[in-house]
Amino acid sequence: MLLSLSNAPRDYAWGSSTLLAELEGRAATGAPEAEVWFGDHPGDPADVAGGSTLDAITGGTLPYLLKLLAAGDPLSIQVHPTIAQARDGWAREAELAADDPRRNYRDDNHKPELIVALSERFEALSGLRPVADTLRLLDALGSSKGVTALRERLSAEGDALRDTIAWLLSGTAQTEVDEIIAAAVDAASAEFSAELNGIRSIAARNPGDPGVVVALLMNFIVLGRGEGIFLRAGLLHAYVSGLGVEIMAASDNVLRGGLTPKHIDVPELLSVLDTTPAVVPVLRPAASDSVTSYPVDVPDFALRRVELTGSPVSVEVTGPAMVLATGGEVVVEGADAAARAVPIGQAVFATADERTLVMSGSGEAFIAEPGAGS
């Protein structure tokens, strides 16, 4: 069975006022439109054509949550827990109200996620840069007391990145934070020009925020359309700007680390943060393939991108699956032979009995389904 899905954009402050409207070919509302959720998560289950919501159909059992994400401003720097950490945190916070600002855990699940760019340029911060590289970047910032203090902390013995982040977010280093941000805004470096341009943009939107300096420690990544990155548990990250398709485990657990007025629980953040420096690999589509897979090592979800050029494409799926239309004309047909046109920015849900979907038209769509071993 195929069911048509839609949902209203969520109006988070960081959302773009234009990107989703441009994608869907409608007039912009002027308000921020950040995310559209296609899933059965109780925070915002998708609407099913005919008047129901998807959680009423599935019983809230989908292992994944599919989204359109439109960032006009940087999202908060954040990290997500493992399943064990989430279960422990959920149990510890059992007595806190759901809307208590001190609450870190909204459920007992992990939240690995994958983002694939729809815009021609999608900017993100992902993972911590090797310390030696960051020290070279600091060479371009001069030798103010703040920059010198940052350099000394990064050069210390032990887990220097964890200790440095703890210091930056402690609330006791604001003078140094301000000096570092000022130096970064004025700095120039041929090697780190993209990183410094990104920091200038972030600083302009988050004046005086210690997260700006945390961002200075992270890898700055630019994705082209169709390129993606996978964000595992414990990996510090933030989306900076652009439009993308995001899929994740069905969770809303976020530990924040800056660029936000919301509560930052520094000890809890540090308890789940993996400070191992690493460059997160970019997942790129093959130029010759109409179907692109984005391999990730989690059982919760799998994502494929399908480019339609007029000829039907038959795709085997492991349901329950979704097809989200992101460009052109997309038609989906299931075993009951009831073809469904999918408007851009909307989706169809294929129940678990559907094993083959036939897609036709001239456009682009993404197929979400449970991962292998789920």
Protein backbone atom coordinates (compact mmCIF):
# COMPACT_ATOMS: atom_id res chain seq x y z
CA MET A 1 0.00 0.00 0.00
CA LEU A 2 1.16 3.52 -0.80
CA LEU A 3 0.18 6.51 1.34
CA SER A 4 0.77 10.17 0.48
CA LEU A 5 2.64 12.15 3.16
CA SER A 6 3.11 15.84 3.83
CA ASN A 7 3.93 18.05 6.80
CA ALA A 8 4.25 21.71 7.74
CA PRO A 9 7.75 23.21 8.04
CA ARG A 10 9.04 23.67 11.57
CA ASP A 11 9.87 27.31 12.32
CA TYR A 12 13.18 27.02 14.17
CA ALA A 13 14.98 30.38 14.23
CA TRP A 14 17.93 29.09 12.16
CA GLY A 15 15.67 28.09 9.26
CA SER A 16 15.83 29.69 5.83
CA SER A 17 12.99 31.94 4.71
CA THR A 18 13.49 30.99 1.05
CA LEU A 19 15.09 27.56 0.45
CA LEU A 20 12.07 25.31 1.01
CA ALA A 21 9.77 27.70 -0.86
CA GLU A 22 12.16 27.73 -3.82
CA LEU A 23 12.38 23.94 -3.80
CA GLU A 24 8.60 23.58 -3.84
CA GLY A 25 8.01 26.42 -6.31
CA ARG A 26 5.79 28.48 -4.02
CA ALA A 27 5.87 31.96 -2.55
CA ALA A 28 7.98 32.42 0.56
CA THR A 29 6.12 33.21 3.75
CA GLY A 30 8.86 35.45 5.11
CA ALA A 31 9.15 33.28 8.23
CA PRO A 32 11.98 30.83 8.92
CA GLU A 33 11.25 27.32 7.60
CA ALA A 34 13.81 24.92 9.01
CA GLU A 35 12.72 21.29 8.74
CA VAL A 36 9.93 19.16 7.31
CA TRP A 37 9.60 15.82 9.10
CA PHE A 38 8.52 12.65 7.29
CA GLY A 39 8.24 10.03 9.98
CA ASP A 40 6.19 8.82 12.91
CA HIS A 41 8.25 10.45 15.68
CA PRO A 42 5.79 11.78 18.30
CA GLY A 43 7.43 15.21 18.12
CA ASP A 44 5.84 15.85 14.71
CA PRO A 45 4.40 12.83 12.85
CA ALA A 46 3.79 13.29 9.12
CA ASP A 47 0.27 13.93 7.87
CA VAL A 48 -1.32 11.14 5.79
CA ALA A 49 -3.65 12.16 2.96
CA GLY A 50 -7.20 11.54 4.17
CA GLY A 51 -6.79 12.96 7.65
CA SER A 52 -4.61 10.62 9.73
CA THR A 53 -1.00 10.88 10.88
CA LEU A 54 1.73 8.36 10.19
CA ASP A 55 2.12 7.27 13.81
CA ALA A 56 -1.49 6.08 13.76
CA ILE A 57 -0.60 3.84 10.80
CA THR A 58 2.72 2.49 12.08
CA GLY A 59 2.21 2.55 15.82
CA GLY A 60 5.35 4.64 16.13
CA THR A 61 7.62 1.78 15.05
CA LEU A 62 9.62 3.36 12.20
CA PRO A 63 13.35 3.08 12.97
CA TYR A 64 14.21 6.21 10.97
CA LEU A 65 13.16 9.83 10.55
CA LEU A 66 13.46 11.48 7.11
CA LYS A 67 13.63 15.26 6.82
CA LEU A 68 14.08 18.19 4.50
CA LEU A 69 16.47 20.61 6.22
CA ALA A 70 16.94 24.27 5.22
CA ALA A 71 19.60 26.21 7.14
CA GLY A 72 19.64 29.97 6.73
CA ASP A 73 21.81 30.43 9.83
CA PRO A 74 24.14 27.97 11.56
CA LEU A 75 22.54 25.32 13.74
CA SER A 76 23.86 24.78 17.24
CA ILE A 77 27.08 22.82 17.56
CA GLN A 78 25.95 19.43 18.83
CA VAL A 79 26.69 15.80 19.45
CA HIS A 80 24.43 12.75 19.73
CA PRO A 81 24.70 9.84 22.18
CA THR A 82 25.14 6.15 21.61
CA ILE A 83 22.18 3.90 22.46
CA ALA A 84 23.72 3.02 25.82
CA GLN A 85 24.32 6.67 26.68
CA ALA A 86 20.80 7.62 25.59
CA ARG A 87 19.19 4.92 27.71
CA ASP A 88 21.23 5.93 30.72
CA GLY A 89 20.48 9.64 30.25
CA TRP A 90 16.76 9.02 29.66
CA ALA A 91 16.57 7.05 32.90
CA ARG A 92 18.48 9.72 34.87
CA GLU A 93 16.14 12.46 33.65
CA ALA A 94 12.92 10.52 34.19
CA GLU A 95 11.66 13.00 36.78
CA LEU A 96 12.20 16.08 34.60
CA ALA A 97 9.22 17.46 32.68
CA ALA A 98 9.33 17.10 28.90
CA ASP A 99 9.70 20.88 28.49
CA ASP A 100 12.24 21.35 31.30
CA PRO A 101 15.15 23.35 29.82
CA ARG A 102 17.58 21.16 31.78
CA ARG A 103 16.44 18.04 29.90
CA ASN A 104 19.06 16.66 27.50
CA TYR A 105 17.40 13.38 26.50
CA ARG A 106 14.05 13.37 24.69
CA ASP A 107 13.98 9.59 24.22
CA ASP A 108 16.13 6.52 24.82
CA ASN A 109 17.55 6.11 21.31
CA HIS A 110 20.75 7.06 19.53
CA LYS A 111 20.73 9.54 16.65
CA PRO A 112 23.28 8.79 13.92
CA GLU A 113 22.42 10.86 10.86
CA LEU A 114 23.21 11.36 7.19
CA ILE A 115 22.80 14.63 5.28
CA VAL A 116 22.82 14.88 1.46
CA ALA A 117 23.01 18.31 -0.16
CA LEU A 118 20.21 19.55 -2.40
CA SER A 119 21.66 23.03 -2.83
CA GLU A 120 24.71 23.56 -5.00
CA ARG A 121 26.66 24.51 -1.85
CA PHE A 122 25.98 23.11 1.60
CA GLU A 123 28.31 24.16 4.41
CA ALA A 124 28.88 22.14 7.58
CA LEU A 125 31.21 21.71 10.52
CA SER A 126 31.99 18.06 11.12
CA GLY A 127 34.45 16.46 13.52
CA LEU A 128 37.47 17.95 15.26
CA ARG A 129 40.48 18.95 13.18
CA PRO A 130 43.87 17.41 14.09
CA VAL A 131 45.50 19.67 16.69
CA ALA A 132 48.64 20.20 14.62
CA ASP A 133 46.54 21.63 11.79
CA THR A 134 44.62 23.92 14.14
CA LEU A 135 47.90 25.21 15.58
CA ARG A 136 48.94 26.16 12.03
CA LEU A 137 45.63 27.95 11.60
CA LEU A 138 46.28 29.88 14.83
CA ASP A 139 49.51 31.20 13.31
CA ALA A 140 47.30 33.45 11.17
CA LEU A 141 45.53 34.86 14.24
CA GLY A 142 48.47 36.63 15.83
CA SER A 143 49.52 36.50 19.46
CA SER A 144 46.87 38.18 21.59
CA LYS A 145 46.45 36.85 25.12
CA GLY A 146 43.35 34.93 24.07
CA VAL A 147 45.01 33.27 21.09
CA THR A 148 48.10 32.47 23.18
CA ALA A 149 45.92 30.89 25.89
CA LEU A 150 44.14 28.79 23.27
CA ARG A 151 47.43 27.65 21.77
CA GLU A 152 48.79 26.68 25.20
CA ARG A 153 45.71 24.63 26.05
CA LEU A 154 45.77 22.82 22.70
CA SER A 155 49.47 22.02 23.23
CA ALA A 156 48.99 20.58 26.72
CA GLU A 157 49.39 16.94 27.66
CA GLY A 158 46.38 14.62 27.94
CA ASP A 159 43.07 15.07 26.11
CA ALA A 160 43.82 18.63 25.03
CA LEU A 161 40.75 19.00 22.80
CA ARG A 162 38.33 17.91 25.54
CA ASP A 163 40.01 20.18 28.10
CA THR A 164 40.02 23.11 25.67
CA ILE A 165 36.32 22.74 24.84
CA ALA A 166 35.51 22.50 28.56
CA TRP A 167 37.44 25.74 29.15
CA LEU A 168 35.78 27.58 26.27
CA LEU A 169 32.27 26.63 27.46
CA SER A 170 32.97 27.10 31.17
CA GLY A 171 31.76 30.70 31.30
CA THR A 172 35.10 31.83 32.73
CA ALA A 173 36.92 32.48 29.45
CA GLN A 174 34.77 35.18 27.84
CA THR A 175 37.62 37.72 27.63
CA GLU A 176 39.79 35.20 25.80
CA VAL A 177 36.86 34.10 23.62
CA ASP A 178 36.25 37.70 22.51
CA GLU A 179 39.92 38.19 21.66
CA ILE A 180 40.09 34.94 19.68
CA ILE A 181 36.95 35.77 17.70
CA ALA A 182 38.23 39.26 16.89
CA ALA A 183 41.54 37.82 15.70
CA ALA A 184 39.81 35.16 13.58
CA VAL A 185 37.55 37.74 11.93
CA ASP A 186 40.58 39.84 10.93
CA ALA A 187 42.87 36.94 9.98
CA ALA A 188 43.98 35.94 6.50
CA SER A 189 45.48 32.62 5.43
CA ALA A 190 45.82 31.05 2.01
CA GLU A 191 45.76 27.55 3.52
CA PHE A 192 42.73 28.16 5.73
CA SER A 193 40.80 30.74 3.72
CA ALA A 194 37.60 28.64 3.53
CA GLU A 195 37.71 27.93 7.26
CA LEU A 196 38.23 31.59 8.18
CA ASN A 197 35.49 32.76 5.80
CA GLY A 198 33.17 30.28 7.47
CA ILE A 199 34.13 31.49 10.93
CA ARG A 200 33.51 35.12 9.92
CA SER A 201 30.02 34.21 8.78
CA ILE A 202 29.33 32.22 11.97
CA ALA A 203 30.71 34.99 14.20
CA ALA A 204 28.54 37.63 12.52
CA ARG A 205 25.43 35.63 13.42
CA ASN A 206 26.62 34.62 16.91
CA PRO A 207 28.56 37.56 18.37
CA GLY A 208 30.53 36.66 21.48
CA ASP A 209 29.39 33.04 21.51
CA PRO A 210 32.09 30.63 22.78
CA GLY A 211 30.80 28.20 20.16
CA VAL A 212 32.48 30.35 17.51
CA VAL A 213 35.85 29.30 18.95
CA VAL A 214 34.70 25.68 19.27
CA ALA A 215 33.86 25.91 15.55
CA LEU A 216 37.43 27.09 14.95
CA LEU A 217 38.58 23.66 16.17
CA MET A 218 36.36 21.75 13.72
CA ASN A 219 36.61 20.63 10.10
CA PHE A 220 34.84 23.01 7.70
CA ILE A 221 33.20 20.99 4.92
CA VAL A 222 31.50 22.18 1.73
CA LEU A 223 29.21 19.69 -0.02
CA GLY A 224 28.05 19.95 -3.63
CA ARG A 225 24.61 18.82 -4.73
CA GLY A 226 24.20 15.07 -4.22
CA GLU A 227 27.17 14.79 -1.85
CA GLY A 228 26.67 13.66 1.73
CA ILE A 229 28.30 13.11 5.11
CA PHE A 230 27.49 10.58 7.81
CA LEU A 231 27.55 11.78 11.41
CA ARG A 232 28.05 8.99 13.94
CA ALA A 233 27.43 9.09 17.69
CA GLY A 234 29.92 11.23 19.60
CA LEU A 235 30.93 13.33 16.57
CA LEU A 236 30.77 17.11 17.10
CA HIS A 237 28.99 18.82 14.18
CA ALA A 238 26.82 21.68 12.98
CA TYR A 239 25.14 22.56 9.70
CA VAL A 240 26.02 26.10 8.64
CA SER A 241 23.95 26.84 5.53
CA GLY A 242 22.13 25.16 2.68
CA LEU A 243 19.31 22.79 1.77
CA GLY A 244 19.53 19.04 2.22
CA VAL A 245 17.80 15.72 2.75
CA GLU A 246 18.55 14.34 6.20
CA ILE A 247 17.86 10.88 7.56
CA MET A 248 18.53 9.68 11.08
CA ALA A 249 17.54 7.17 13.68
CA ALA A 250 14.12 8.04 15.10
CA SER A 251 15.37 10.21 17.94
CA ASP A 252 15.50 13.83 19.05
CA ASN A 253 18.48 13.57 21.42
CA VAL A 254 20.85 16.54 21.14
CA LEU A 255 23.70 17.64 23.41
CA ARG A 256 24.60 21.22 22.49
CA GLY A 257 28.06 22.75 22.42
CA GLY A 258 27.60 26.36 21.33
CA LEU A 259 25.99 28.72 18.79
CA THR A 260 22.71 28.63 20.70
CA PRO A 261 20.87 30.49 23.47
CA LYS A 262 19.53 27.12 24.69
CA HIS A 263 20.80 25.20 27.68
CA ILE A 264 24.30 23.75 27.35
CA ASP A 265 25.06 20.99 29.84
CA VAL A 266 28.85 21.04 29.55
CA PRO A 267 29.59 17.94 31.69
CA GLU A 268 27.00 15.88 29.82
CA LEU A 269 28.28 17.12 26.46
CA LEU A 270 31.82 16.12 27.39
CA SER A 271 30.67 12.71 28.62
CA VAL A 272 29.37 11.74 25.15
CA LEU A 273 31.88 13.66 23.02
CA ASP A 274 34.46 11.72 21.04
CA THR A 275 37.49 14.01 20.76
CA THR A 276 39.42 11.79 18.37
CA PRO A 277 40.44 14.11 15.51
CA ALA A 278 39.17 12.96 12.15
CA VAL A 279 38.19 14.22 8.72
CA VAL A 280 34.69 12.97 7.94
CA PRO A 281 34.68 11.46 4.43
CA VAL A 282 32.36 12.96 1.83
CA LEU A 283 30.06 10.43 0.15
CA ARG A 284 29.88 11.24 -3.57
CA PRO A 285 27.50 9.90 -6.21
CA ALA A 286 28.86 8.09 -9.25
CA ALA A 287 28.37 10.21 -12.34
CA SER A 288 27.04 7.35 -14.46
CA ASP A 289 24.52 5.81 -12.06
CA SER A 290 20.84 6.74 -11.87
CA VAL A 291 20.64 5.27 -8.36
CA THR A 292 23.16 6.40 -5.74
CA SER A 293 23.57 4.62 -2.41
CA TYR A 294 25.07 6.32 0.64
CA PRO A 295 26.51 3.43 2.68
CA VAL A 296 26.35 3.85 6.46
CA ASP A 297 27.13 1.32 9.16
CA VAL A 298 23.89 1.51 11.18
CA PRO A 299 20.79 -0.71 11.12
CA ASP A 300 18.29 2.13 11.53
CA PHE A 301 18.24 3.53 8.01
CA ALA A 302 19.47 3.43 4.44
CA LEU A 303 19.16 6.18 1.83
CA ARG A 304 19.34 6.18 -1.97
CA ARG A 305 19.08 8.99 -4.48
CA VAL A 306 17.30 8.28 -7.78
CA GLU A 307 17.64 10.41 -10.91
CA LEU A 308 14.75 9.86 -13.31
CA THR A 309 15.22 10.66 -17.00
CA GLY A 310 11.94 9.46 -18.49
CA SER A 311 12.39 5.68 -18.39
CA PRO A 312 10.89 3.74 -15.48
CA VAL A 313 13.29 2.65 -12.74
CA SER A 314 12.42 -0.44 -10.71
CA VAL A 315 13.84 -0.44 -7.18
CA GLU A 316 13.75 -3.27 -4.67
CA VAL A 317 13.03 -2.00 -1.15
CA THR A 318 12.98 -3.36 2.35
CA GLY A 319 9.90 -1.78 3.81
CA PRO A 320 8.54 0.20 5.34
CA ALA A 321 10.02 2.70 2.87
CA MET A 322 9.50 6.31 1.78
CA VAL A 323 10.02 8.14 -1.50
CA LEU A 324 10.64 11.88 -1.12
CA ALA A 325 10.43 13.98 -4.29
CA THR A 326 13.03 16.75 -4.54
CA GLY A 327 12.87 17.82 -8.18
CA GLY A 328 10.94 17.55 -11.44
CA GLU A 329 8.11 15.07 -11.85
CA VAL A 330 8.12 11.87 -9.81
CA VAL A 331 5.55 9.05 -10.03
CA VAL A 332 5.68 5.97 -7.82
CA GLU A 333 3.83 2.71 -8.42
CA GLY A 334 3.54 -0.22 -6.02
CA ALA A 335 2.22 -3.76 -6.20
CA ASP A 336 -1.41 -2.61 -6.22
CA ALA A 337 -0.74 -0.76 -9.52
CA ALA A 338 -2.02 2.51 -8.04
CA ALA A 339 0.48 5.04 -9.37
CA ARG A 340 1.00 8.12 -7.22
CA ALA A 341 2.39 11.44 -8.39
CA VAL A 342 4.58 12.88 -5.65
CA PRO A 343 4.73 16.69 -5.48
CA ILE A 344 8.15 18.21 -4.81
CA GLY A 345 8.68 18.47 -1.07
CA GLN A 346 6.27 15.65 -0.28
CA ALA A 347 6.60 11.87 0.05
CA VAL A 348 4.84 8.56 -0.31
CA PHE A 349 5.02 5.85 2.33
CA ALA A 350 5.22 2.25 1.19
CA THR A 351 4.04 -0.26 3.78
CA ALA A 352 6.23 -3.26 4.59
CA ASP A 353 4.41 -5.54 2.13
CA GLU A 354 5.68 -3.45 -0.80
CA ARG A 355 8.89 -5.04 -2.11
CA THR A 356 9.32 -3.36 -5.51
CA LEU A 357 8.66 0.28 -6.35
CA VAL A 358 8.52 1.45 -9.96
CA MET A 359 9.49 5.10 -10.32
CA SER A 360 8.94 7.14 -13.45
CA GLY A 361 9.06 10.73 -14.67
CA SER A 362 11.89 13.20 -15.09
CA GLY A 363 13.15 14.37 -11.74
CA GLU A 364 14.90 13.45 -8.52
CA ALA A 365 13.79 11.49 -5.46
CA PHE A 366 15.23 9.90 -2.36
CA ILE A 367 14.29 6.48 -1.03
CA ALA A 368 14.47 5.91 2.72
CA GLU A 369 14.15 2.49 4.31
CA PRO A 370 15.43 0.52 7.30
CA GLY A 371 19.09 -0.42 7.13
CA ALA A 372 20.55 -3.87 6.70
CA GLY A 373 20.10 -6.02 9.75
CA SER A 374 17.27 -3.94 11.17
